[in-house]
């Protein structure tokens, strides 16, 4: 499993969006996979946060752009 166990975090901000049904099915399956791996349940919104967190941490081009100084100046990659 590529996702790490969740840790405490700052208070969250709410994001509302519509997700295709097939993605919901996959996310629910991933929740079951997480529970199987870590022997603790996880709610759907929490798994979405962990997937986004992991993606943003691992996306190399985004990280290069973010650390290049262009992010602060608002320049697109």
PDB file of N, CA and C in Angstrom:
ATOM      1  N   UNK A   1       0.857  -1.180   0.000  1.00  0.00           N
ATOM      2  CA  UNK A   1       0.000   0.000   0.000  1.00  0.00           C
ATOM      3  C   UNK A   1       0.892   1.227   0.000  1.00  0.00           C
ATOM      4  N   UNK A   2       0.618   2.156  -0.866  1.00  0.00           N
ATOM      5  CA  UNK A   2       1.431   3.365  -0.971  1.00  0.00           C
ATOM      6  C   UNK A   2       1.023   4.441   0.034  1.00  0.00           C
ATOM      7  N   UNK A   3      -0.225   4.427   0.462  1.00  0.00           N
ATOM      8  CA  UNK A   3      -0.662   5.420   1.440  1.00  0.00           C
ATOM      9  C   UNK A   3      -0.140   5.058   2.820  1.00  0.00           C
ATOM     10  N   UNK A   4       0.303   6.062   3.537  1.00  0.00           N
ATOM     11  CA  UNK A   4       0.749   5.874   4.911  1.00  0.00           C
ATOM     12  C   UNK A   4      -0.434   6.038   5.844  1.00  0.00           C
ATOM     13  N   UNK A   5      -0.301   5.552   7.051  1.00  0.00           N
ATOM     14  CA  UNK A   5      -1.338   5.725   8.066  1.00  0.00           C
ATOM     15  C   UNK A   5      -1.560   7.216   8.315  1.00  0.00           C
ATOM     16  N   UNK A   6      -2.802   7.599   8.544  1.00  0.00           N
ATOM     17  CA  UNK A   6      -3.143   9.003   8.767  1.00  0.00           C
ATOM     18  C   UNK A   6      -2.524   9.540  10.047  1.00  0.00           C
ATOM     19  N   UNK A   7      -2.230  10.841  10.038  1.00  0.00           N
ATOM     20  CA  UNK A   7      -1.715  11.534  11.216  1.00  0.00           C
ATOM     21  C   UNK A   7      -2.631  12.710  11.530  1.00  0.00           C
ATOM     22  N   UNK A   8      -2.517  13.245  12.737  1.00  0.00           N
ATOM     23  CA  UNK A   8      -3.303  14.417  13.123  1.00  0.00           C
ATOM     24  C   UNK A   8      -2.954  15.585  12.199  1.00  0.00           C
ATOM     25  N   UNK A   9      -3.918  16.460  11.985  1.00  0.00           N
ATOM     26  CA  UNK A   9      -3.689  17.557  11.057  1.00  0.00           C
ATOM     27  C   UNK A   9      -4.402  18.818  11.523  1.00  0.00           C
ATOM     28  N   UNK A  10      -4.129  19.925  10.822  1.00  0.00           N
ATOM     29  CA  UNK A  10      -4.798  21.187  11.100  1.00  0.00           C
ATOM     30  C   UNK A  10      -6.289  21.058  10.774  1.00  0.00           C
ATOM     31  N   UNK A  11      -7.097  21.995  11.278  1.00  0.00           N
ATOM     32  CA  UNK A  11      -8.528  21.942  10.961  1.00  0.00           C
ATOM     33  C   UNK A  11      -8.750  21.972   9.445  1.00  0.00           C
ATOM     34  N   UNK A  12      -9.646  21.147   8.929  1.00  0.00           N
ATOM     35  CA  UNK A  12      -9.838  21.056   7.480  1.00  0.00           C
ATOM     36  C   UNK A  12     -10.710  22.181   6.924  1.00  0.00           C
ATOM     37  N   UNK A  13     -10.613  22.363   5.615  1.00  0.00           N
ATOM     38  CA  UNK A  13     -11.498  23.244   4.865  1.00  0.00           C
ATOM     39  C   UNK A  13     -12.408  22.365   4.029  1.00  0.00           C
ATOM     40  N   UNK A  14     -13.622  22.796   3.802  1.00  0.00           N
ATOM     41  CA  UNK A  14     -14.576  21.973   3.059  1.00  0.00           C
ATOM     42  C   UNK A  14     -14.467  22.226   1.567  1.00  0.00           C
ATOM     43  N   UNK A  15     -14.483  21.135   0.790  1.00  0.00           N
ATOM     44  CA  UNK A  15     -14.533  21.191  -0.672  1.00  0.00           C
ATOM     45  C   UNK A  15     -15.713  20.332  -1.103  1.00  0.00           C
ATOM     46  N   UNK A  16     -16.593  20.889  -1.913  1.00  0.00           N
ATOM     47  CA  UNK A  16     -17.741  20.127  -2.410  1.00  0.00           C
ATOM     48  C   UNK A  16     -17.532  19.872  -3.900  1.00  0.00           C
ATOM     49  N   UNK A  17     -17.781  18.623  -4.301  1.00  0.00           N
ATOM     50  CA  UNK A  17     -17.629  18.280  -5.711  1.00  0.00           C
ATOM     51  C   UNK A  17     -18.462  17.057  -6.050  1.00  0.00           C
ATOM     52  N   UNK A  18     -18.706  16.870  -7.320  1.00  0.00           N
ATOM     53  CA  UNK A  18     -19.418  15.700  -7.810  1.00  0.00           C
ATOM     54  C   UNK A  18     -18.383  14.752  -8.409  1.00  0.00           C
ATOM     55  N   UNK A  19     -18.497  13.471  -8.046  1.00  0.00           N
ATOM     56  CA  UNK A  19     -17.527  12.465  -8.483  1.00  0.00           C
ATOM     57  C   UNK A  19     -18.279  11.383  -9.251  1.00  0.00           C
ATOM     58  N   UNK A  20     -17.725  10.936 -10.380  1.00  0.00           N
ATOM     59  CA  UNK A  20     -18.391   9.872 -11.131  1.00  0.00           C
ATOM     60  C   UNK A  20     -18.590   8.611 -10.280  1.00  0.00           C
ATOM     61  N   UNK A  21     -19.671   7.884 -10.553  1.00  0.00           N
ATOM     62  CA  UNK A  21     -20.021   6.705  -9.763  1.00  0.00           C
ATOM     63  C   UNK A  21     -18.912   5.661  -9.751  1.00  0.00           C
ATOM     64  N   UNK A  22     -18.232   5.457 -10.882  1.00  0.00           N
ATOM     65  CA  UNK A  22     -17.180   4.437 -10.913  1.00  0.00           C
ATOM     66  C   UNK A  22     -15.998   4.810 -10.021  1.00  0.00           C
ATOM     67  N   UNK A  23     -15.761   6.104  -9.845  1.00  0.00           N
ATOM     68  CA  UNK A  23     -14.694   6.542  -8.939  1.00  0.00           C
ATOM     69  C   UNK A  23     -15.106   6.274  -7.489  1.00  0.00           C
ATOM     70  N   UNK A  24     -16.371   6.484  -7.177  1.00  0.00           N
ATOM     71  CA  UNK A  24     -16.873   6.191  -5.828  1.00  0.00           C
ATOM     72  C   UNK A  24     -16.708   4.709  -5.520  1.00  0.00           C
ATOM     73  N   UNK A  25     -17.017   3.851  -6.475  1.00  0.00           N
ATOM     74  CA  UNK A  25     -16.847   2.413  -6.281  1.00  0.00           C
ATOM     75  C   UNK A  25     -15.381   2.103  -5.972  1.00  0.00           C
ATOM     76  N   UNK A  26     -14.471   2.691  -6.744  1.00  0.00           N
ATOM     77  CA  UNK A  26     -13.038   2.465  -6.515  1.00  0.00           C
ATOM     78  C   UNK A  26     -12.607   2.982  -5.142  1.00  0.00           C
ATOM     79  N   UNK A  27     -13.109   4.153  -4.760  1.00  0.00           N
ATOM     80  CA  UNK A  27     -12.739   4.717  -3.465  1.00  0.00           C
ATOM     81  C   UNK A  27     -13.256   3.861  -2.310  1.00  0.00           C
ATOM     82  N   UNK A  28     -14.465   3.356  -2.443  1.00  0.00           N
ATOM     83  CA  UNK A  28     -15.005   2.475  -1.403  1.00  0.00           C
ATOM     84  C   UNK A  28     -14.184   1.190  -1.304  1.00  0.00           C
ATOM     85  N   UNK A  29     -13.771   0.662  -2.450  1.00  0.00           N
ATOM     86  CA  UNK A  29     -12.892  -0.511  -2.442  1.00  0.00           C
ATOM     87  C   UNK A  29     -11.565  -0.181  -1.761  1.00  0.00           C
ATOM     88  N   UNK A  30     -11.056   1.017  -2.023  1.00  0.00           N
ATOM     89  CA  UNK A  30      -9.785   1.414  -1.407  1.00  0.00           C
ATOM     90  C   UNK A  30      -9.939   1.563   0.104  1.00  0.00           C
ATOM     91  N   UNK A  31     -11.093   2.019   0.544  1.00  0.00           N
ATOM     92  CA  UNK A  31     -11.365   2.079   1.992  1.00  0.00           C
ATOM     93  C   UNK A  31     -11.286   0.682   2.597  1.00  0.00           C
ATOM     94  N   UNK A  32     -11.862  -0.289   1.920  1.00  0.00           N
ATOM     95  CA  UNK A  32     -11.789  -1.670   2.409  1.00  0.00           C
ATOM     96  C   UNK A  32     -10.348  -2.182   2.400  1.00  0.00           C
ATOM     97  N   UNK A  33      -9.601  -1.835   1.367  1.00  0.00           N
ATOM     98  CA  UNK A  33      -8.193  -2.219   1.279  1.00  0.00           C
ATOM     99  C   UNK A  33      -7.395  -1.598   2.431  1.00  0.00           C
ATOM    100  N   UNK A  34      -7.644  -0.329   2.722  1.00  0.00           N
ATOM    101  CA  UNK A  34      -6.984   0.355   3.836  1.00  0.00           C
ATOM    102  C   UNK A  34      -7.293  -0.369   5.146  1.00  0.00           C
ATOM    103  N   UNK A  35      -8.561  -0.691   5.360  1.00  0.00           N
ATOM    104  CA  UNK A  35      -8.963  -1.383   6.585  1.00  0.00           C
ATOM    105  C   UNK A  35      -8.297  -2.765   6.669  1.00  0.00           C
ATOM    106  N   UNK A  36      -8.215  -3.469   5.556  1.00  0.00           N
ATOM    107  CA  UNK A  36      -7.550  -4.767   5.520  1.00  0.00           C
ATOM    108  C   UNK A  36      -6.067  -4.623   5.875  1.00  0.00           C
ATOM    109  N   UNK A  37      -5.422  -3.589   5.344  1.00  0.00           N
ATOM    110  CA  UNK A  37      -3.984  -3.383   5.547  1.00  0.00           C
ATOM    111  C   UNK A  37      -3.660  -2.929   6.960  1.00  0.00           C
ATOM    112  N   UNK A  38      -4.395  -1.936   7.468  1.00  0.00           N
ATOM    113  CA  UNK A  38      -4.072  -1.325   8.755  1.00  0.00           C
ATOM    114  C   UNK A  38      -4.965  -1.803   9.899  1.00  0.00           C
ATOM    115  N   UNK A  39      -5.939  -2.634   9.600  1.00  0.00           N
ATOM    116  CA  UNK A  39      -6.869  -3.155  10.597  1.00  0.00           C
ATOM    117  C   UNK A  39      -7.587  -2.055  11.368  1.00  0.00           C
ATOM    118  N   UNK A  40      -7.912  -0.995  10.650  1.00  0.00           N
ATOM    119  CA  UNK A  40      -8.753   0.072  11.208  1.00  0.00           C
ATOM    120  C   UNK A  40      -9.546   0.691  10.060  1.00  0.00           C
ATOM    121  N   UNK A  41     -10.796   1.020  10.309  1.00  0.00           N
ATOM    122  CA  UNK A  41     -11.630   1.579   9.242  1.00  0.00           C
ATOM    123  C   UNK A  41     -11.218   3.013   8.901  1.00  0.00           C
ATOM    124  N   UNK A  42     -11.588   3.418   7.703  1.00  0.00           N
ATOM    125  CA  UNK A  42     -11.376   4.798   7.270  1.00  0.00           C
ATOM    126  C   UNK A  42     -12.604   5.217   6.470  1.00  0.00           C
ATOM    127  N   UNK A  43     -13.058   6.432   6.685  1.00  0.00           N
ATOM    128  CA  UNK A  43     -14.227   6.947   5.982  1.00  0.00           C
ATOM    129  C   UNK A  43     -13.827   7.432   4.590  1.00  0.00           C
ATOM    130  N   UNK A  44     -14.799   7.458   3.702  1.00  0.00           N
ATOM    131  CA  UNK A  44     -14.563   7.865   2.320  1.00  0.00           C
ATOM    132  C   UNK A  44     -13.898   9.244   2.198  1.00  0.00           C
ATOM    133  N   UNK A  45     -14.397  10.290   2.884  1.00  0.00           N
ATOM    134  CA  UNK A  45     -13.725  11.591   2.765  1.00  0.00           C
ATOM    135  C   UNK A  45     -12.261  11.544   3.221  1.00  0.00           C
ATOM    136  N   UNK A  46     -11.971  10.770   4.242  1.00  0.00           N
ATOM    137  CA  UNK A  46     -10.603  10.686   4.737  1.00  0.00           C
ATOM    138  C   UNK A  46      -9.686  10.000   3.737  1.00  0.00           C
ATOM    139  N   UNK A  47     -10.178   8.973   3.048  1.00  0.00           N
ATOM    140  CA  UNK A  47      -9.328   8.291   2.076  1.00  0.00           C
ATOM    141  C   UNK A  47      -9.058   9.199   0.879  1.00  0.00           C
ATOM    142  N   UNK A  48     -10.045  10.010   0.506  1.00  0.00           N
ATOM    143  CA  UNK A  48      -9.834  10.970  -0.586  1.00  0.00           C
ATOM    144  C   UNK A  48      -8.724  11.949  -0.210  1.00  0.00           C
ATOM    145  N   UNK A  49      -8.755  12.439   1.018  1.00  0.00           N
ATOM    146  CA  UNK A  49      -7.706  13.360   1.489  1.00  0.00           C
ATOM    147  C   UNK A  49      -6.348  12.679   1.438  1.00  0.00           C
ATOM    148  N   UNK A  50      -6.265  11.440   1.893  1.00  0.00           N
ATOM    149  CA  UNK A  50      -4.981  10.733   1.901  1.00  0.00           C
ATOM    150  C   UNK A  50      -4.473  10.483   0.491  1.00  0.00           C
ATOM    151  N   UNK A  51      -5.366  10.162  -0.442  1.00  0.00           N
ATOM    152  CA  UNK A  51      -4.963   9.956  -1.829  1.00  0.00           C
ATOM    153  C   UNK A  51      -4.452  11.262  -2.434  1.00  0.00           C
ATOM    154  N   UNK A  52      -5.161  12.353  -2.191  1.00  0.00           N
ATOM    155  CA  UNK A  52      -4.703  13.655  -2.696  1.00  0.00           C
ATOM    156  C   UNK A  52      -3.368  14.055  -2.078  1.00  0.00           C
ATOM    157  N   UNK A  53      -3.240  13.854  -0.788  1.00  0.00           N
ATOM    158  CA  UNK A  53      -1.991  14.173  -0.093  1.00  0.00           C
ATOM    159  C   UNK A  53      -0.830  13.385  -0.705  1.00  0.00           C
ATOM    160  N   UNK A  54      -1.042  12.100  -0.911  1.00  0.00           N
ATOM    161  CA  UNK A  54       0.000  11.251  -1.488  1.00  0.00           C
ATOM    162  C   UNK A  54       0.346  11.707  -2.910  1.00  0.00           C
ATOM    163  N   UNK A  55      -0.663  11.974  -3.710  1.00  0.00           N
ATOM    164  CA  UNK A  55      -0.438  12.416  -5.084  1.00  0.00           C
ATOM    165  C   UNK A  55       0.384  13.700  -5.115  1.00  0.00           C
ATOM    166  N   UNK A  56      -0.002  14.674  -4.301  1.00  0.00           N
ATOM    167  CA  UNK A  56       0.698  15.957  -4.295  1.00  0.00           C
ATOM    168  C   UNK A  56       2.123  15.829  -3.776  1.00  0.00           C
ATOM    169  N   UNK A  57       2.356  14.881  -2.891  1.00  0.00           N
ATOM    170  CA  UNK A  57       3.701  14.652  -2.361  1.00  0.00           C
ATOM    171  C   UNK A  57       4.601  13.952  -3.384  1.00  0.00           C
ATOM    172  N   UNK A  58       4.013  13.160  -4.275  1.00  0.00           N
ATOM    173  CA  UNK A  58       4.782  12.335  -5.196  1.00  0.00           C
ATOM    174  C   UNK A  58       4.871  12.903  -6.618  1.00  0.00           C
ATOM    175  N   UNK A  59       4.104  13.904  -6.954  1.00  0.00           N
ATOM    176  CA  UNK A  59       4.070  14.465  -8.305  1.00  0.00           C
ATOM    177  C   UNK A  59       5.328  15.308  -8.536  1.00  0.00           C
ATOM    178  N   UNK A  60       6.312  14.721  -9.194  1.00  0.00           N
ATOM    179  CA  UNK A  60       7.641  15.342  -9.320  1.00  0.00           C
ATOM    180  C   UNK A  60       7.627  16.669 -10.055  1.00  0.00           C
ATOM    181  N   UNK A  61       6.918  16.762 -11.158  1.00  0.00           N
ATOM    182  CA  UNK A  61       6.892  18.025 -11.896  1.00  0.00           C
ATOM    183  C   UNK A  61       6.271  19.134 -11.053  1.00  0.00           C
ATOM    184  N   UNK A  62       5.216  18.819 -10.337  1.00  0.00           N
ATOM    185  CA  UNK A  62       4.594  19.799  -9.453  1.00  0.00           C
ATOM    186  C   UNK A  62       5.575  20.249  -8.376  1.00  0.00           C
ATOM    187  N   UNK A  63       6.274  19.297  -7.776  1.00  0.00           N
ATOM    188  CA  UNK A  63       7.233  19.637  -6.721  1.00  0.00           C
ATOM    189  C   UNK A  63       8.371  20.492  -7.249  1.00  0.00           C
ATOM    190  N   UNK A  64       8.877  20.160  -8.445  1.00  0.00           N
ATOM    191  CA  UNK A  64       9.934  20.997  -9.054  1.00  0.00           C
ATOM    192  C   UNK A  64       9.427  22.408  -9.284  1.00  0.00           C
ATOM    193  N   UNK A  65       8.223  22.520  -9.825  1.00  0.00           N
ATOM    194  CA  UNK A  65       7.643  23.832 -10.070  1.00  0.00           C
ATOM    195  C   UNK A  65       7.461  24.599  -8.767  1.00  0.00           C
ATOM    196  N   UNK A  66       6.945  23.914  -7.760  1.00  0.00           N
ATOM    197  CA  UNK A  66       6.694  24.550  -6.467  1.00  0.00           C
ATOM    198  C   UNK A  66       7.977  25.080  -5.839  1.00  0.00           C
ATOM    199  N   UNK A  67       9.050  24.322  -5.967  1.00  0.00           N
ATOM    200  CA  UNK A  67      10.333  24.712  -5.355  1.00  0.00           C
ATOM    201  C   UNK A  67      11.174  25.604  -6.256  1.00  0.00           C
ATOM    202  N   UNK A  68      10.746  25.834  -7.484  1.00  0.00           N
ATOM    203  CA  UNK A  68      11.540  26.644  -8.410  1.00  0.00           C
ATOM    204  C   UNK A  68      11.387  28.140  -8.186  1.00  0.00           C
ATOM    205  N   UNK A  69      10.416  28.517  -7.419  1.00  0.00           N
ATOM    206  CA  UNK A  69      10.154  29.948  -7.234  1.00  0.00           C
ATOM    207  C   UNK A  69       9.033  30.432  -8.137  1.00  0.00           C
ATOM    208  N   UNK A  70       8.699  29.651  -9.169  1.00  0.00           N
ATOM    209  CA  UNK A  70       7.611  30.042 -10.055  1.00  0.00           C
ATOM    210  C   UNK A  70       6.270  30.007  -9.349  1.00  0.00           C
ATOM    211  N   UNK A  71       6.109  29.128  -8.362  1.00  0.00           N
ATOM    212  CA  UNK A  71       4.835  29.045  -7.646  1.00  0.00           C
ATOM    213  C   UNK A  71       4.562  30.348  -6.906  1.00  0.00           C
ATOM    214  N   UNK A  72       5.586  30.914  -6.298  1.00  0.00           N
ATOM    215  CA  UNK A  72       5.420  32.153  -5.562  1.00  0.00           C
ATOM    216  C   UNK A  72       5.093  33.321  -6.492  1.00  0.00           C
ATOM    217  N   UNK A  73       5.647  33.282  -7.707  1.00  0.00           N
ATOM    218  CA  UNK A  73       5.402  34.370  -8.646  1.00  0.00           C
ATOM    219  C   UNK A  73       4.126  34.181  -9.466  1.00  0.00           C
ATOM    220  N   UNK A  74       3.518  32.995  -9.339  1.00  0.00           N
ATOM    221  CA  UNK A  74       2.277  32.739 -10.057  1.00  0.00           C
ATOM    222  C   UNK A  74       2.470  32.265 -11.469  1.00  0.00           C
ATOM    223  N   UNK A  75       3.716  31.968 -11.883  1.00  0.00           N
ATOM    224  CA  UNK A  75       3.977  31.496 -13.234  1.00  0.00           C
ATOM    225  C   UNK A  75       3.583  30.036 -13.374  1.00  0.00           C
ATOM    226  N   UNK A  76       2.933  29.713 -14.465  1.00  0.00           N
ATOM    227  CA  UNK A  76       2.546  28.319 -14.740  1.00  0.00           C
ATOM    228  C   UNK A  76       3.790  27.530 -15.138  1.00  0.00           C
ATOM    229  N   UNK A  77       3.774  26.216 -14.906  1.00  0.00           N
ATOM    230  CA  UNK A  77       4.917  25.389 -15.293  1.00  0.00           C
ATOM    231  C   UNK A  77       5.115  25.333 -16.779  1.00  0.00           C
TER     232      UNK A  77
END
